[in-house]
Structure formats: structure tokens, C-alpha cells
Amino acid sequence: MAFPFVCKAYTPDQFPALQAYLDGLSFNLFRPKFIVVHNTAPPTLADYAVWQKRGSPSDEQWGRNLEAFYKSKWSGGPHFVATPRGAVVLNPPNAPGVHTPSWNRVSWGVETVGDFETDAFEGPIADNLIALLAVLHHAAGINPTPFVLGRSGLHFHKEDHATTHQTCPGRHMDKVNLTSRVIAAMGKLRGADPHAEPHPPAPVAPAAPQKAAAPVAAPKAAIVSAPRAPPPKPAARAFDWFFDLFGTG
């Protein structure tokens, strides 16, 4: 059981405190092998901006609202949420969460406010996600590269073939670009060359030669966020469940 959630928010200038918090945890029973990036969708970035103008709660209060939602349905949730204002720690980082069908017991789940099928991945949300991922990789002693599905490297939710979220986090979040920027941010954390590999990559056995085969259609990517919107409602009520989470309660 991963409850209670941490529900602690950090602004970007408080990320060193987040690093210190993670450095102080014991990972005897669970340590992530890699990180899985998700989008929230809802809210989109526009939804989030509107709710903030309406005086919706702080990111920390939103975390507590999300805890109540996840607790009613699952045994945990995503570990972190990147927001335009910073980041929120949800599921205890030293316990398995619930965020993707295949990799809950071997990964950290990081939600990102927005729907990057339609939202541009830029500005504060991009900066905060990149800075957060740099801190998380550094704290866990893992690397964004090399990517080996289900084993190492930065993962996107849609790469889990057991998920139904087949576009998450969205086409406007480019994985090659994101990985490069996270590596650069990790270099700055260590005061090293931002273009250097964070650590020597783990050896990966070369793939065995394969016979040429007729081209086949690639399978649809699968993705997921275990904790996602409930069954579809009429269009006018599509976001009601998230307004409940983002309410002022």
C-alpha cells in the first residue's frame, strides 16, 4: 500500500530541497530502474491556467485531492507531477506506484500537466519537467540512456504495450529532444560538461542478426496511466471528474 501520499509541492528554485529529500530516503524495498513520462490530459495547459485564475487550490492541495481519488480506485498512483508552477510528490518515491500496467514495480511515474497531442511542449512546463527529470535520474542513480524497453532509459507511457493510452504523452513531446535536454540538465547538476553521458551506459548485448522479412505494419503503441479518467461521459461532462479533483475543497 502506497498511501498516504506525500503531497508536497516544490517550486523550481526549491528543487535542491527535493533532491535532498530524495537523498534522505531508504530504497531497501523499491528502487526505480527507469522513469515513465505521462501527460495528465485532463487538464490541458489551458484548463490548468483557467483553474488557477479561478483561484483553484495550490499544487499541494491538488495533490491531496488526487490522493483521495487514487485511494478510491487503486493501491497507489504516479510518484510525481510536473506542473507549470513546479512539481508535486504524490506516491511515496520509495514504494511502487500505479501508473502503467507493465512497469509499476520497476519505475517511477511522472505525470506532466497538459495534453501534448495538442499542447505545445514549451515554456514553464517543459522547463520544469526537464529539471525534475534531471533531479530524479540523479537521485535514483539511473540514466535517460541507453533505452532498453522495460529495462532502462527514459520511457514514454505509450511504449507500454499493455496500456490503452496510445498517444501519451503526445506527439509534441519529442523523446530524442527531451532525453538530450535532460542529460544536459543532469550535467549542470554535477557541474560537468552538459553534453557528456551522465554515467557510462550499461552494456547491452548486440542484437542477433535477423533474416530479412517482408515489411509489416507496426503495432499500435500502447500507453497508460492506470489512474486516468473513468468511463466516458457525455461531452459536456467530460472533465467533471477532474474538476472534482481540482476543486477548492
Protein backbone atom coordinates (compact mmCIF):
# COMPACT_ATOMS: atom_id res chain seq x y z
CA MET A 1 0.00 0.00 0.00
CA ALA A 2 1.48 3.36 -1.09
CA PHE A 3 -0.81 5.56 0.98
CA PRO A 4 -0.64 8.10 2.48
CA PHE A 5 0.73 10.15 -0.39
CA VAL A 6 3.46 12.72 0.28
CA CYS A 7 1.52 15.64 -1.30
CA LYS A 8 4.48 18.02 -1.13
CA ALA A 9 4.92 20.72 -3.77
CA TYR A 10 8.22 22.27 -4.86
CA THR A 11 8.80 25.35 -6.98
CA PRO A 12 11.75 25.19 -9.41
CA ASP A 13 14.02 27.12 -7.04
CA GLN A 14 13.19 24.52 -4.36
CA PHE A 15 14.34 21.55 -6.48
CA PRO A 16 17.60 21.32 -4.46
CA ALA A 17 15.37 20.65 -1.44
CA LEU A 18 13.58 17.95 -3.45
CA GLN A 19 16.97 16.43 -4.23
CA ALA A 20 17.86 16.48 -0.53
CA TYR A 21 14.52 14.86 0.34
CA LEU A 22 15.12 12.04 -2.15
CA ASP A 23 18.71 11.58 -0.97
CA GLY A 24 17.39 11.03 2.55
CA LEU A 25 15.03 8.19 1.62
CA SER A 26 15.76 4.49 2.07
CA PHE A 27 15.21 2.40 -1.07
CA ASN A 28 15.61 -1.03 0.51
CA LEU A 29 12.31 -2.44 -0.83
CA PHE A 30 11.88 -0.50 -4.08
CA ARG A 31 14.23 1.42 -6.36
CA PRO A 32 13.23 2.54 -9.87
CA LYS A 33 15.13 1.17 -12.83
CA PHE A 34 13.76 3.86 -15.14
CA ILE A 35 11.22 6.68 -15.35
CA VAL A 36 7.95 6.72 -17.33
CA VAL A 37 6.63 10.09 -18.56
CA HIS A 38 2.88 10.65 -18.84
CA ASN A 39 0.56 13.57 -19.56
CA THR A 40 -2.44 14.44 -17.39
CA ALA A 41 -4.95 15.26 -20.13
CA PRO A 42 -7.11 16.44 -18.46
CA PRO A 43 -6.15 19.00 -17.52
CA THR A 44 -4.67 20.55 -20.63
CA LEU A 45 -2.40 23.53 -20.11
CA ALA A 46 -5.34 25.80 -20.93
CA ASP A 47 -7.51 24.06 -18.31
CA TYR A 48 -4.79 24.45 -15.71
CA ALA A 49 -4.38 28.17 -16.48
CA VAL A 50 -8.13 28.80 -16.24
CA TRP A 51 -8.41 26.93 -12.94
CA GLN A 52 -5.55 28.93 -11.47
CA LYS A 53 -7.23 32.20 -12.48
CA ARG A 54 -10.39 30.98 -10.77
CA GLY A 55 -8.49 30.63 -7.52
CA SER A 56 -8.23 26.85 -7.59
CA PRO A 57 -6.08 25.26 -4.89
CA SER A 58 -2.32 25.20 -4.66
CA ASP A 59 -0.46 22.31 -6.26
CA GLU A 60 -0.11 20.84 -2.78
CA GLN A 61 -3.87 20.89 -2.19
CA TRP A 62 -4.42 19.44 -5.64
CA GLY A 63 -2.10 16.61 -4.61
CA ARG A 64 -4.31 15.88 -1.61
CA ASN A 65 -7.39 15.88 -3.86
CA LEU A 66 -5.65 13.47 -6.22
CA GLU A 67 -4.73 11.24 -3.31
CA ALA A 68 -8.40 10.86 -2.39
CA PHE A 69 -9.25 9.99 -6.00
CA TYR A 70 -6.49 7.38 -6.41
CA LYS A 71 -7.17 5.89 -2.99
CA SER A 72 -10.77 5.20 -4.01
CA LYS A 73 -9.65 3.15 -7.01
CA TRP A 74 -6.08 1.84 -6.75
CA SER A 75 -3.32 0.90 -4.32
CA GLY A 76 -1.19 3.89 -5.31
CA GLY A 77 -0.64 6.45 -8.04
CA PRO A 78 2.06 8.27 -10.00
CA HIS A 79 5.09 9.35 -7.98
CA PHE A 80 5.44 12.91 -9.29
CA VAL A 81 3.54 15.55 -11.26
CA ALA A 82 5.32 18.28 -13.20
CA THR A 83 3.21 21.46 -13.30
CA PRO A 84 3.70 24.95 -14.73
CA ARG A 85 4.48 26.04 -11.16
CA GLY A 86 6.97 23.29 -10.28
CA ALA A 87 6.44 19.70 -9.17
CA VAL A 88 4.40 17.69 -6.69
CA VAL A 89 5.47 14.48 -4.94
CA LEU A 90 2.48 12.12 -4.75
CA ASN A 91 3.10 8.37 -4.30
CA PRO A 92 6.00 7.78 -1.86
CA PRO A 93 9.12 7.59 -4.07
CA ASN A 94 10.44 4.54 -2.20
CA ALA A 95 7.28 2.47 -2.83
CA PRO A 96 5.81 1.09 -6.07
CA GLY A 97 3.12 3.27 -7.59
CA VAL A 98 0.24 2.73 -10.02
CA HIS A 99 0.70 4.47 -13.35
CA THR A 100 1.34 1.93 -16.13
CA PRO A 101 0.29 -1.73 -16.42
CA SER A 102 3.65 -3.38 -17.09
CA TRP A 103 6.18 -1.38 -15.11
CA ASN A 104 4.65 -0.27 -11.81
CA ARG A 105 7.13 -2.31 -9.76
CA VAL A 106 10.25 -1.16 -11.59
CA SER A 107 9.69 2.51 -12.44
CA TRP A 108 8.79 5.97 -11.25
CA GLY A 109 5.72 7.53 -12.90
CA VAL A 110 5.90 11.24 -13.74
CA GLU A 111 2.72 12.97 -14.87
CA THR A 112 3.04 16.22 -16.85
CA VAL A 113 0.24 18.80 -16.87
CA GLY A 114 -1.04 19.08 -20.43
CA ASP A 115 -2.14 17.11 -23.47
CA PHE A 116 0.83 17.13 -25.81
CA GLU A 117 -1.17 15.81 -28.71
CA THR A 118 -2.49 19.39 -28.91
CA ASP A 119 -0.47 21.45 -26.40
CA ALA A 120 2.97 22.71 -27.35
CA PHE A 121 5.73 21.32 -25.15
CA GLU A 122 7.44 24.58 -24.27
CA GLY A 123 7.72 27.28 -21.63
CA PRO A 124 7.47 26.62 -17.88
CA ILE A 125 6.00 23.11 -18.19
CA ALA A 126 8.89 21.97 -20.41
CA ASP A 127 11.49 23.64 -18.21
CA ASN A 128 10.02 22.15 -15.04
CA LEU A 129 9.67 18.63 -16.43
CA ILE A 130 13.27 18.66 -17.70
CA ALA A 131 14.60 19.97 -14.39
CA LEU A 132 12.51 17.45 -12.45
CA LEU A 133 13.68 14.53 -14.59
CA ALA A 134 17.29 15.60 -14.12
CA VAL A 135 16.86 15.61 -10.34
CA LEU A 136 15.06 12.25 -10.36
CA HIS A 137 17.61 10.45 -12.54
CA HIS A 138 20.42 11.86 -10.42
CA ALA A 139 18.74 10.88 -7.14
CA ALA A 140 17.97 7.33 -8.29
CA GLY A 141 21.39 6.79 -9.86
CA ILE A 142 19.86 5.93 -13.23
CA ASN A 143 20.28 7.34 -16.74
CA PRO A 144 17.95 8.55 -19.51
CA THR A 145 20.05 6.41 -21.89
CA PRO A 146 20.50 3.76 -23.15
CA PHE A 147 16.87 2.93 -23.80
CA VAL A 148 16.01 -0.75 -23.45
CA LEU A 149 12.26 -1.34 -23.32
CA GLY A 150 11.17 -2.32 -19.83
CA ARG A 151 14.73 -2.25 -18.51
CA SER A 152 16.47 1.12 -18.73
CA GLY A 153 16.35 4.62 -20.14
CA LEU A 154 13.61 7.23 -20.31
CA HIS A 155 10.24 5.69 -21.24
CA PHE A 156 7.03 7.22 -22.56
CA HIS A 157 3.73 5.81 -21.36
CA LYS A 158 2.67 4.82 -24.87
CA GLU A 159 5.63 2.43 -25.06
CA ASP A 160 3.94 0.10 -22.59
CA HIS A 161 2.20 -2.34 -24.93
CA ALA A 162 -0.30 -3.24 -22.23
CA THR A 163 -1.71 0.27 -21.98
CA THR A 164 -4.72 1.73 -23.70
CA HIS A 165 -3.24 5.26 -23.74
CA GLN A 166 -1.77 5.00 -27.21
CA THR A 167 -0.54 8.58 -27.63
CA CYS A 168 0.55 9.57 -24.10
CA PRO A 169 2.32 11.90 -23.51
CA GLY A 170 1.62 13.21 -27.04
CA ARG A 171 3.32 13.86 -30.37
CA HIS A 172 4.55 17.35 -29.44
CA MET A 173 6.81 15.92 -26.75
CA ASP A 174 9.76 14.62 -28.74
CA LYS A 175 11.62 11.89 -26.89
CA VAL A 176 15.03 12.40 -28.51
CA ASN A 177 14.93 16.11 -27.75
CA LEU A 178 13.63 15.57 -24.22
CA THR A 179 16.31 13.00 -23.43
CA SER A 180 19.05 15.29 -24.74
CA ARG A 181 17.80 18.18 -22.62
CA VAL A 182 17.55 16.02 -19.50
CA ILE A 183 21.15 14.82 -19.98
CA ALA A 184 22.28 18.44 -20.34
CA ALA A 185 20.41 19.40 -17.16
CA MET A 186 22.00 16.48 -15.30
CA GLY A 187 25.41 17.69 -16.43
CA LYS A 188 24.70 21.11 -14.95
CA LEU A 189 23.62 19.49 -11.68
CA ARG A 190 27.02 17.82 -11.46
CA GLY A 191 28.90 20.84 -12.72
CA ALA A 192 30.13 18.74 -15.63
CA ASP A 193 30.08 19.03 -19.40
CA PRO A 194 26.33 19.23 -20.17
CA HIS A 195 26.87 17.15 -23.31
CA ALA A 196 28.56 14.27 -21.51
CA GLU A 197 26.81 10.98 -20.73
CA PRO A 198 25.58 11.11 -17.10
CA HIS A 199 27.26 7.79 -16.33
CA PRO A 200 28.85 5.12 -18.53
CA PRO A 201 25.89 3.30 -20.10
CA ALA A 202 25.21 -0.23 -19.00
CA PRO A 203 26.46 -2.78 -21.54
CA VAL A 204 23.78 -4.10 -23.84
CA ALA A 205 24.29 -7.30 -25.79
CA PRO A 206 24.21 -6.73 -29.57
CA ALA A 207 21.10 -7.99 -31.27
CA ALA A 208 21.45 -11.25 -33.15
CA PRO A 209 21.34 -10.91 -36.96
CA GLN A 210 17.86 -11.39 -38.32
CA LYS A 211 16.70 -12.62 -41.70
CA ALA A 212 15.15 -10.00 -43.91
CA ALA A 213 11.39 -10.12 -43.76
CA ALA A 214 8.59 -8.52 -45.69
CA PRO A 215 7.60 -5.20 -44.13
CA VAL A 216 4.69 -5.40 -41.74
CA ALA A 217 2.59 -2.73 -40.16
CA ALA A 218 3.97 -1.61 -36.81
CA PRO A 219 1.72 -2.44 -33.88
CA LYS A 220 -0.03 0.44 -32.29
CA ALA A 221 1.84 1.78 -29.32
CA ALA A 222 0.14 1.17 -26.05
CA ILE A 223 0.17 3.50 -23.18
CA VAL A 224 -1.26 4.05 -19.91
CA SER A 225 -1.83 5.75 -16.85
CA ALA A 226 -3.54 3.40 -14.56
CA PRO A 227 -5.08 6.31 -12.78
CA ARG A 228 -6.97 8.02 -15.57
CA ALA A 229 -10.44 9.34 -16.24
CA PRO A 230 -13.34 6.96 -15.51
CA PRO A 231 -15.63 5.66 -18.29
CA PRO A 232 -16.55 8.33 -20.86
CA LYS A 233 -19.37 10.69 -20.04
CA PRO A 234 -21.37 12.95 -22.34
CA ALA A 235 -19.18 15.67 -23.87
CA ALA A 236 -20.50 18.38 -21.59
CA ARG A 237 -19.36 16.40 -18.55
CA ALA A 238 -16.09 15.02 -19.89
CA PHE A 239 -13.95 16.88 -17.34
CA ASP A 240 -16.29 16.78 -14.35
CA TRP A 241 -14.18 14.18 -12.52
CA PHE A 242 -11.12 16.36 -12.81
CA PHE A 243 -12.95 19.49 -11.68
CA ASP A 244 -13.74 17.49 -8.57
CA LEU A 245 -10.04 16.80 -8.08
CA PHE A 246 -9.11 20.38 -8.77
CA GLY A 247 -11.89 21.85 -6.65
CA THR A 248 -11.31 24.14 -3.75
CA GLY A 249 -12.17 21.52 -1.14
